[in-house]
């Protein structure tokens, strides 16, 4: 909506309100005391401000799922058990763990050198008897939230490449998240008992990042990562 059209609408509303007020209250009301005139002007300002607030559009925003305090407390509790569960090789049994991406690479020899350039991710390597000639990599994370808003999907998976016998894990670009809170306009909240308050929620929590690597049982491992069996 252009500003010219918006101003035109406001002027029409003011003229319409003025004519309606004269008919409803008569000239006596409009030419009354200074207090009456101030009240009428204040009411007009509130009306125009309220209409303008309804015309504001929100574009290009990410609307995350809202987590209740109970859900966040549960996720925080699960985080305390996840590391031990993954370290014991029971990744499939870990609660509160999100699978984000997976890769599969061919392994020609029984050698694998892991180079981790992503300092945010912890690496666990499991040797599997039933796996032959390939490497399986899975990216997991726990929940991330900001002021009770789930932002887990805002953190992407790292780029992973396999060259000869070297598995390279590259760092991800920094993630910028801008938070904007919207509340009802002042004309709608000034007469409420406590106004409108914005809670700060639980602040920000970035979840833990895990890379779980499965290799054939006879593979010799070097470089980064913790072999869990």
C-alpha atoms as a PDB file:
ATOM      1  CA  UNK A   1       0.000   0.000   0.000  1.00  0.00           C
ATOM      2  CA  UNK A   2       1.507   3.351  -1.050  1.00  0.00           C
ATOM      3  CA  UNK A   3       1.926   6.151   1.459  1.00  0.00           C
ATOM      4  CA  UNK A   4      -0.244   8.479  -0.646  1.00  0.00           C
ATOM      5  CA  UNK A   5      -3.153   6.053  -0.597  1.00  0.00           C
ATOM      6  CA  UNK A   6      -2.661   5.498   3.135  1.00  0.00           C
ATOM      7  CA  UNK A   7      -2.779   9.220   3.886  1.00  0.00           C
ATOM      8  CA  UNK A   8      -5.889   9.524   1.715  1.00  0.00           C
ATOM      9  CA  UNK A   9      -7.642   6.796   3.723  1.00  0.00           C
ATOM     10  CA  UNK A  10      -6.721   8.469   7.016  1.00  0.00           C
ATOM     11  CA  UNK A  11      -8.087  11.828   5.862  1.00  0.00           C
ATOM     12  CA  UNK A  12     -11.352  10.187   4.803  1.00  0.00           C
ATOM     13  CA  UNK A  13     -11.652   8.493   8.174  1.00  0.00           C
ATOM     14  CA  UNK A  14     -11.035  11.752  10.002  1.00  0.00           C
ATOM     15  CA  UNK A  15     -13.646  13.573   7.935  1.00  0.00           C
ATOM     16  CA  UNK A  16     -16.124  10.757   8.388  1.00  0.00           C
ATOM     17  CA  UNK A  17     -15.527  10.674  12.126  1.00  0.00           C
ATOM     18  CA  UNK A  18     -15.907  14.442  12.349  1.00  0.00           C
ATOM     19  CA  UNK A  19     -19.221  14.376  10.524  1.00  0.00           C
ATOM     20  CA  UNK A  20     -20.458  11.454  12.602  1.00  0.00           C
ATOM     21  CA  UNK A  21     -19.469  13.195  15.837  1.00  0.00           C
ATOM     22  CA  UNK A  22     -21.343  16.360  14.887  1.00  0.00           C
ATOM     23  CA  UNK A  23     -24.506  14.437  14.177  1.00  0.00           C
ATOM     24  CA  UNK A  24     -24.242  12.243  17.229  1.00  0.00           C
ATOM     25  CA  UNK A  25     -23.160  14.732  19.839  1.00  0.00           C
ATOM     26  CA  UNK A  26     -24.121  18.022  18.222  1.00  0.00           C
ATOM     27  CA  UNK A  27     -22.158  21.216  17.946  1.00  0.00           C
ATOM     28  CA  UNK A  28     -22.237  21.636  21.712  1.00  0.00           C
ATOM     29  CA  UNK A  29     -19.996  18.638  22.231  1.00  0.00           C
ATOM     30  CA  UNK A  30     -17.453  19.670  19.617  1.00  0.00           C
ATOM     31  CA  UNK A  31     -17.334  23.230  20.910  1.00  0.00           C
ATOM     32  CA  UNK A  32     -17.271  22.237  24.565  1.00  0.00           C
ATOM     33  CA  UNK A  33     -14.570  22.649  27.178  1.00  0.00           C
ATOM     34  CA  UNK A  34     -10.859  22.239  26.574  1.00  0.00           C
ATOM     35  CA  UNK A  35     -10.962  18.837  28.300  1.00  0.00           C
ATOM     36  CA  UNK A  36     -13.645  17.648  25.896  1.00  0.00           C
ATOM     37  CA  UNK A  37     -11.630  18.800  22.890  1.00  0.00           C
ATOM     38  CA  UNK A  38      -8.489  17.082  24.202  1.00  0.00           C
ATOM     39  CA  UNK A  39     -10.410  13.861  24.760  1.00  0.00           C
ATOM     40  CA  UNK A  40     -11.852  14.014  21.226  1.00  0.00           C
ATOM     41  CA  UNK A  41      -8.402  14.650  19.716  1.00  0.00           C
ATOM     42  CA  UNK A  42      -6.860  11.849  21.777  1.00  0.00           C
ATOM     43  CA  UNK A  43      -9.555   9.435  20.677  1.00  0.00           C
ATOM     44  CA  UNK A  44      -8.893  10.402  17.052  1.00  0.00           C
ATOM     45  CA  UNK A  45      -5.178   9.767  17.462  1.00  0.00           C
ATOM     46  CA  UNK A  46      -5.855   6.338  18.958  1.00  0.00           C
ATOM     47  CA  UNK A  47      -8.211   5.492  16.115  1.00  0.00           C
ATOM     48  CA  UNK A  48      -5.698   6.459  13.441  1.00  0.00           C
ATOM     49  CA  UNK A  49      -2.821   4.724  15.272  1.00  0.00           C
ATOM     50  CA  UNK A  50      -4.858   1.559  15.647  1.00  0.00           C
ATOM     51  CA  UNK A  51      -5.717   1.505  11.942  1.00  0.00           C
ATOM     52  CA  UNK A  52      -2.086   2.090  10.991  1.00  0.00           C
ATOM     53  CA  UNK A  53      -0.944  -0.779  13.223  1.00  0.00           C
ATOM     54  CA  UNK A  54      -3.322  -3.152  11.482  1.00  0.00           C
ATOM     55  CA  UNK A  55      -1.862  -2.171   8.096  1.00  0.00           C
ATOM     56  CA  UNK A  56       1.701  -3.151   9.039  1.00  0.00           C
ATOM     57  CA  UNK A  57       2.689  -6.356   7.232  1.00  0.00           C
ATOM     58  CA  UNK A  58       5.335  -8.832   8.355  1.00  0.00           C
ATOM     59  CA  UNK A  59       7.396 -10.221   5.500  1.00  0.00           C
ATOM     60  CA  UNK A  60      10.448 -12.459   5.107  1.00  0.00           C
ATOM     61  CA  UNK A  61      10.269 -13.844   8.623  1.00  0.00           C
ATOM     62  CA  UNK A  62      10.916 -17.323   9.938  1.00  0.00           C
ATOM     63  CA  UNK A  63       8.090 -18.566  12.114  1.00  0.00           C
ATOM     64  CA  UNK A  64       9.434 -21.305  14.347  1.00  0.00           C
ATOM     65  CA  UNK A  65       7.440 -23.663  16.517  1.00  0.00           C
ATOM     66  CA  UNK A  66       6.840 -22.355  20.027  1.00  0.00           C
ATOM     67  CA  UNK A  67       8.079 -24.671  22.778  1.00  0.00           C
ATOM     68  CA  UNK A  68       6.380 -24.698  26.142  1.00  0.00           C
ATOM     69  CA  UNK A  69       8.431 -24.388  29.312  1.00  0.00           C
ATOM     70  CA  UNK A  70       7.665 -28.030  30.050  1.00  0.00           C
ATOM     71  CA  UNK A  71       9.008 -29.160  26.654  1.00  0.00           C
ATOM     72  CA  UNK A  72      12.214 -27.170  27.101  1.00  0.00           C
ATOM     73  CA  UNK A  73      12.775 -28.606  30.564  1.00  0.00           C
ATOM     74  CA  UNK A  74      12.317 -32.104  29.114  1.00  0.00           C
ATOM     75  CA  UNK A  75      14.799 -31.440  26.284  1.00  0.00           C
ATOM     76  CA  UNK A  76      17.335 -30.102  28.770  1.00  0.00           C
ATOM     77  CA  UNK A  77      16.908 -33.256  30.836  1.00  0.00           C
ATOM     78  CA  UNK A  78      17.431 -35.498  27.803  1.00  0.00           C
ATOM     79  CA  UNK A  79      20.587 -33.596  26.830  1.00  0.00           C
ATOM     80  CA  UNK A  80      22.222 -34.818  29.996  1.00  0.00           C
ATOM     81  CA  UNK A  81      21.815 -38.460  28.891  1.00  0.00           C
ATOM     82  CA  UNK A  82      22.456 -38.202  25.154  1.00  0.00           C
ATOM     83  CA  UNK A  83      26.260 -38.080  25.247  1.00  0.00           C
ATOM     84  CA  UNK A  84      26.489 -41.253  27.328  1.00  0.00           C
ATOM     85  CA  UNK A  85      23.949 -43.004  25.089  1.00  0.00           C
ATOM     86  CA  UNK A  86      25.840 -42.190  21.884  1.00  0.00           C
ATOM     87  CA  UNK A  87      29.195 -43.057  23.445  1.00  0.00           C
ATOM     88  CA  UNK A  88      27.850 -46.493  24.289  1.00  0.00           C
ATOM     89  CA  UNK A  89      26.917 -47.082  20.629  1.00  0.00           C
ATOM     90  CA  UNK A  90      23.155 -46.890  21.219  1.00  0.00           C
ATOM     91  CA  UNK A  91      22.525 -43.878  19.020  1.00  0.00           C
ATOM     92  CA  UNK A  92      19.261 -45.338  17.724  1.00  0.00           C
ATOM     93  CA  UNK A  93      17.938 -45.408  21.289  1.00  0.00           C
ATOM     94  CA  UNK A  94      18.814 -41.811  22.141  1.00  0.00           C
ATOM     95  CA  UNK A  95      15.776 -39.684  22.975  1.00  0.00           C
ATOM     96  CA  UNK A  96      15.702 -36.031  21.941  1.00  0.00           C
ATOM     97  CA  UNK A  97      18.164 -36.595  19.100  1.00  0.00           C
ATOM     98  CA  UNK A  98      17.333 -35.230  15.637  1.00  0.00           C
ATOM     99  CA  UNK A  99      18.673 -36.795  12.452  1.00  0.00           C
ATOM    100  CA  UNK A 100      19.565 -33.954  10.083  1.00  0.00           C
ATOM    101  CA  UNK A 101      21.498 -35.495   7.189  1.00  0.00           C
ATOM    102  CA  UNK A 102      23.399 -38.599   6.101  1.00  0.00           C
ATOM    103  CA  UNK A 103      26.113 -39.532   3.621  1.00  0.00           C
ATOM    104  CA  UNK A 104      27.603 -42.734   2.214  1.00  0.00           C
ATOM    105  CA  UNK A 105      31.078 -43.093   0.715  1.00  0.00           C
ATOM    106  CA  UNK A 106      33.004 -45.963  -0.827  1.00  0.00           C
ATOM    107  CA  UNK A 107      35.991 -47.301   1.103  1.00  0.00           C
ATOM    108  CA  UNK A 108      38.565 -49.088  -1.045  1.00  0.00           C
ATOM    109  CA  UNK A 109      41.158 -49.923   1.581  1.00  0.00           C
ATOM    110  CA  UNK A 110      40.932 -50.699   5.266  1.00  0.00           C
ATOM    111  CA  UNK A 111      42.197 -47.221   6.155  1.00  0.00           C
ATOM    112  CA  UNK A 112      40.212 -44.103   7.131  1.00  0.00           C
ATOM    113  CA  UNK A 113      41.700 -40.778   8.160  1.00  0.00           C
ATOM    114  CA  UNK A 114      39.185 -38.338   9.652  1.00  0.00           C
ATOM    115  CA  UNK A 115      39.913 -34.607   9.468  1.00  0.00           C
ATOM    116  CA  UNK A 116      37.427 -32.547  11.454  1.00  0.00           C
ATOM    117  CA  UNK A 117      37.512 -28.802  10.670  1.00  0.00           C
ATOM    118  CA  UNK A 118      34.116 -28.244  12.295  1.00  0.00           C
ATOM    119  CA  UNK A 119      34.853 -27.579  15.944  1.00  0.00           C
ATOM    120  CA  UNK A 120      31.159 -27.548  16.901  1.00  0.00           C
ATOM    121  CA  UNK A 121      30.580 -31.211  16.040  1.00  0.00           C
ATOM    122  CA  UNK A 122      31.655 -34.184  18.140  1.00  0.00           C
ATOM    123  CA  UNK A 123      32.625 -37.283  16.173  1.00  0.00           C
ATOM    124  CA  UNK A 124      31.941 -40.883  17.163  1.00  0.00           C
ATOM    125  CA  UNK A 125      33.117 -43.825  15.075  1.00  0.00           C
ATOM    126  CA  UNK A 126      31.591 -47.293  15.303  1.00  0.00           C
ATOM    127  CA  UNK A 127      33.073 -50.413  13.702  1.00  0.00           C
ATOM    128  CA  UNK A 128      30.337 -52.637  12.291  1.00  0.00           C
ATOM    129  CA  UNK A 129      30.837 -56.284  11.345  1.00  0.00           C
ATOM    130  CA  UNK A 130      28.042 -56.279   8.745  1.00  0.00           C
ATOM    131  CA  UNK A 131      29.376 -53.222   6.882  1.00  0.00           C
ATOM    132  CA  UNK A 132      31.660 -53.787   3.881  1.00  0.00           C
ATOM    133  CA  UNK A 133      33.397 -51.433   1.474  1.00  0.00           C
ATOM    134  CA  UNK A 134      31.707 -48.225   2.569  1.00  0.00           C
ATOM    135  CA  UNK A 135      31.532 -45.489   5.194  1.00  0.00           C
ATOM    136  CA  UNK A 136      28.229 -44.213   6.574  1.00  0.00           C
ATOM    137  CA  UNK A 137      28.088 -40.746   8.145  1.00  0.00           C
ATOM    138  CA  UNK A 138      25.049 -39.322   9.935  1.00  0.00           C
ATOM    139  CA  UNK A 139      24.618 -35.840  11.355  1.00  0.00           C
ATOM    140  CA  UNK A 140      22.580 -35.589  14.540  1.00  0.00           C
ATOM    141  CA  UNK A 141      21.778 -32.679  16.809  1.00  0.00           C
ATOM    142  CA  UNK A 142      19.739 -31.900  19.871  1.00  0.00           C
ATOM    143  CA  UNK A 143      17.142 -29.126  19.974  1.00  0.00           C
ATOM    144  CA  UNK A 144      18.073 -25.454  19.721  1.00  0.00           C
ATOM    145  CA  UNK A 145      15.760 -22.706  20.900  1.00  0.00           C
ATOM    146  CA  UNK A 146      15.636 -18.945  21.319  1.00  0.00           C
ATOM    147  CA  UNK A 147      13.087 -17.393  23.670  1.00  0.00           C
ATOM    148  CA  UNK A 148      11.062 -20.634  23.544  1.00  0.00           C
ATOM    149  CA  UNK A 149      11.112 -20.705  19.713  1.00  0.00           C
ATOM    150  CA  UNK A 150      12.461 -23.874  18.091  1.00  0.00           C
ATOM    151  CA  UNK A 151      15.364 -22.848  15.814  1.00  0.00           C
ATOM    152  CA  UNK A 152      16.882 -26.316  15.358  1.00  0.00           C
ATOM    153  CA  UNK A 153      16.416 -26.239  11.571  1.00  0.00           C
ATOM    154  CA  UNK A 154      18.274 -22.930  11.303  1.00  0.00           C
ATOM    155  CA  UNK A 155      21.605 -24.700  11.860  1.00  0.00           C
ATOM    156  CA  UNK A 156      22.612 -26.599   8.695  1.00  0.00           C
ATOM    157  CA  UNK A 157      24.666 -29.746   8.332  1.00  0.00           C
ATOM    158  CA  UNK A 158      28.375 -29.420   7.511  1.00  0.00           C
ATOM    159  CA  UNK A 159      29.798 -30.201   4.106  1.00  0.00           C
ATOM    160  CA  UNK A 160      31.539 -33.584   4.045  1.00  0.00           C
ATOM    161  CA  UNK A 161      33.881 -34.939   1.373  1.00  0.00           C
ATOM    162  CA  UNK A 162      35.758 -38.196   0.889  1.00  0.00           C
ATOM    163  CA  UNK A 163      39.085 -38.037  -0.972  1.00  0.00           C
ATOM    164  CA  UNK A 164      41.068 -41.268  -1.242  1.00  0.00           C
ATOM    165  CA  UNK A 165      41.084 -42.530   2.361  1.00  0.00           C
ATOM    166  CA  UNK A 166      40.518 -39.148   3.985  1.00  0.00           C
ATOM    167  CA  UNK A 167      37.124 -38.021   5.253  1.00  0.00           C
ATOM    168  CA  UNK A 168      36.990 -34.226   5.486  1.00  0.00           C
ATOM    169  CA  UNK A 169      34.389 -32.425   7.601  1.00  0.00           C
ATOM    170  CA  UNK A 170      34.234 -28.719   6.804  1.00  0.00           C
ATOM    171  CA  UNK A 171      33.035 -25.951   9.138  1.00  0.00           C
ATOM    172  CA  UNK A 172      29.645 -24.387   8.537  1.00  0.00           C
ATOM    173  CA  UNK A 173      29.201 -20.654   8.001  1.00  0.00           C
ATOM    174  CA  UNK A 174      28.151 -18.618  11.046  1.00  0.00           C
ATOM    175  CA  UNK A 175      24.384 -18.477  11.520  1.00  0.00           C
ATOM    176  CA  UNK A 176      22.797 -15.074  12.118  1.00  0.00           C
ATOM    177  CA  UNK A 177      19.366 -14.991  13.712  1.00  0.00           C
ATOM    178  CA  UNK A 178      17.545 -11.697  14.190  1.00  0.00           C
ATOM    179  CA  UNK A 179      14.662 -11.770  16.633  1.00  0.00           C
ATOM    180  CA  UNK A 180      11.748  -9.355  16.351  1.00  0.00           C
ATOM    181  CA  UNK A 181       8.900  -9.479  18.828  1.00  0.00           C
ATOM    182  CA  UNK A 182       5.491  -8.148  17.882  1.00  0.00           C
ATOM    183  CA  UNK A 183       2.840  -7.076  20.358  1.00  0.00           C
ATOM    184  CA  UNK A 184      -0.547  -5.445  20.011  1.00  0.00           C
ATOM    185  CA  UNK A 185      -0.445  -1.716  19.370  1.00  0.00           C
ATOM    186  CA  UNK A 186      -0.716   0.765  22.239  1.00  0.00           C
ATOM    187  CA  UNK A 187      -4.329   1.747  21.398  1.00  0.00           C
ATOM    188  CA  UNK A 188      -5.365  -1.857  22.123  1.00  0.00           C
ATOM    189  CA  UNK A 189      -3.329  -2.407  25.289  1.00  0.00           C
ATOM    190  CA  UNK A 190      -3.319   0.879  27.213  1.00  0.00           C
ATOM    191  CA  UNK A 191      -6.596   0.141  28.975  1.00  0.00           C
ATOM    192  CA  UNK A 192      -5.688  -3.403  30.040  1.00  0.00           C
ATOM    193  CA  UNK A 193      -4.885  -3.886  33.701  1.00  0.00           C
ATOM    194  CA  UNK A 194      -1.213  -4.798  33.279  1.00  0.00           C
ATOM    195  CA  UNK A 195      -0.606  -3.785  29.683  1.00  0.00           C
ATOM    196  CA  UNK A 196       1.092  -6.296  27.405  1.00  0.00           C
ATOM    197  CA  UNK A 197       4.321  -7.846  28.548  1.00  0.00           C
ATOM    198  CA  UNK A 198       6.848  -9.816  26.547  1.00  0.00           C
ATOM    199  CA  UNK A 199       8.489 -12.706  28.328  1.00  0.00           C
ATOM    200  CA  UNK A 200      12.186 -13.319  27.710  1.00  0.00           C
ATOM    201  CA  UNK A 201      11.571 -17.067  27.841  1.00  0.00           C
ATOM    202  CA  UNK A 202      14.590 -19.290  28.381  1.00  0.00           C
ATOM    203  CA  UNK A 203      17.055 -17.197  26.386  1.00  0.00           C
ATOM    204  CA  UNK A 204      19.090 -19.065  23.771  1.00  0.00           C
ATOM    205  CA  UNK A 205      20.287 -22.647  23.749  1.00  0.00           C
ATOM    206  CA  UNK A 206      22.210 -24.103  20.793  1.00  0.00           C
ATOM    207  CA  UNK A 207      21.943 -27.859  20.673  1.00  0.00           C
ATOM    208  CA  UNK A 208      24.843 -30.300  20.599  1.00  0.00           C
ATOM    209  CA  UNK A 209      26.078 -31.505  17.207  1.00  0.00           C
ATOM    210  CA  UNK A 210      27.156 -35.109  16.596  1.00  0.00           C
ATOM    211  CA  UNK A 211      28.623 -36.882  13.580  1.00  0.00           C
ATOM    212  CA  UNK A 212      28.183 -40.629  13.865  1.00  0.00           C
ATOM    213  CA  UNK A 213      30.434 -42.621  11.515  1.00  0.00           C
ATOM    214  CA  UNK A 214      30.038 -46.327  10.779  1.00  0.00           C
ATOM    215  CA  UNK A 215      32.909 -48.217   9.146  1.00  0.00           C
ATOM    216  CA  UNK A 216      33.740 -51.885   8.439  1.00  0.00           C
ATOM    217  CA  UNK A 217      35.050 -53.743  11.482  1.00  0.00           C
ATOM    218  CA  UNK A 218      38.571 -54.254  10.029  1.00  0.00           C
ATOM    219  CA  UNK A 219      39.114 -50.538   9.246  1.00  0.00           C
ATOM    220  CA  UNK A 220      42.161 -48.788  10.701  1.00  0.00           C
ATOM    221  CA  UNK A 221      41.149 -45.351  12.000  1.00  0.00           C
ATOM    222  CA  UNK A 222      43.377 -42.267  12.321  1.00  0.00           C
ATOM    223  CA  UNK A 223      42.866 -38.555  12.808  1.00  0.00           C
ATOM    224  CA  UNK A 224      39.930 -37.020  14.680  1.00  0.00           C
ATOM    225  CA  UNK A 225      37.026 -38.728  16.337  1.00  0.00           C
ATOM    226  CA  UNK A 226      36.371 -41.163  19.152  1.00  0.00           C
ATOM    227  CA  UNK A 227      36.145 -44.870  18.350  1.00  0.00           C
ATOM    228  CA  UNK A 228      33.455 -46.276  20.628  1.00  0.00           C
ATOM    229  CA  UNK A 229      34.147 -50.001  20.189  1.00  0.00           C
END
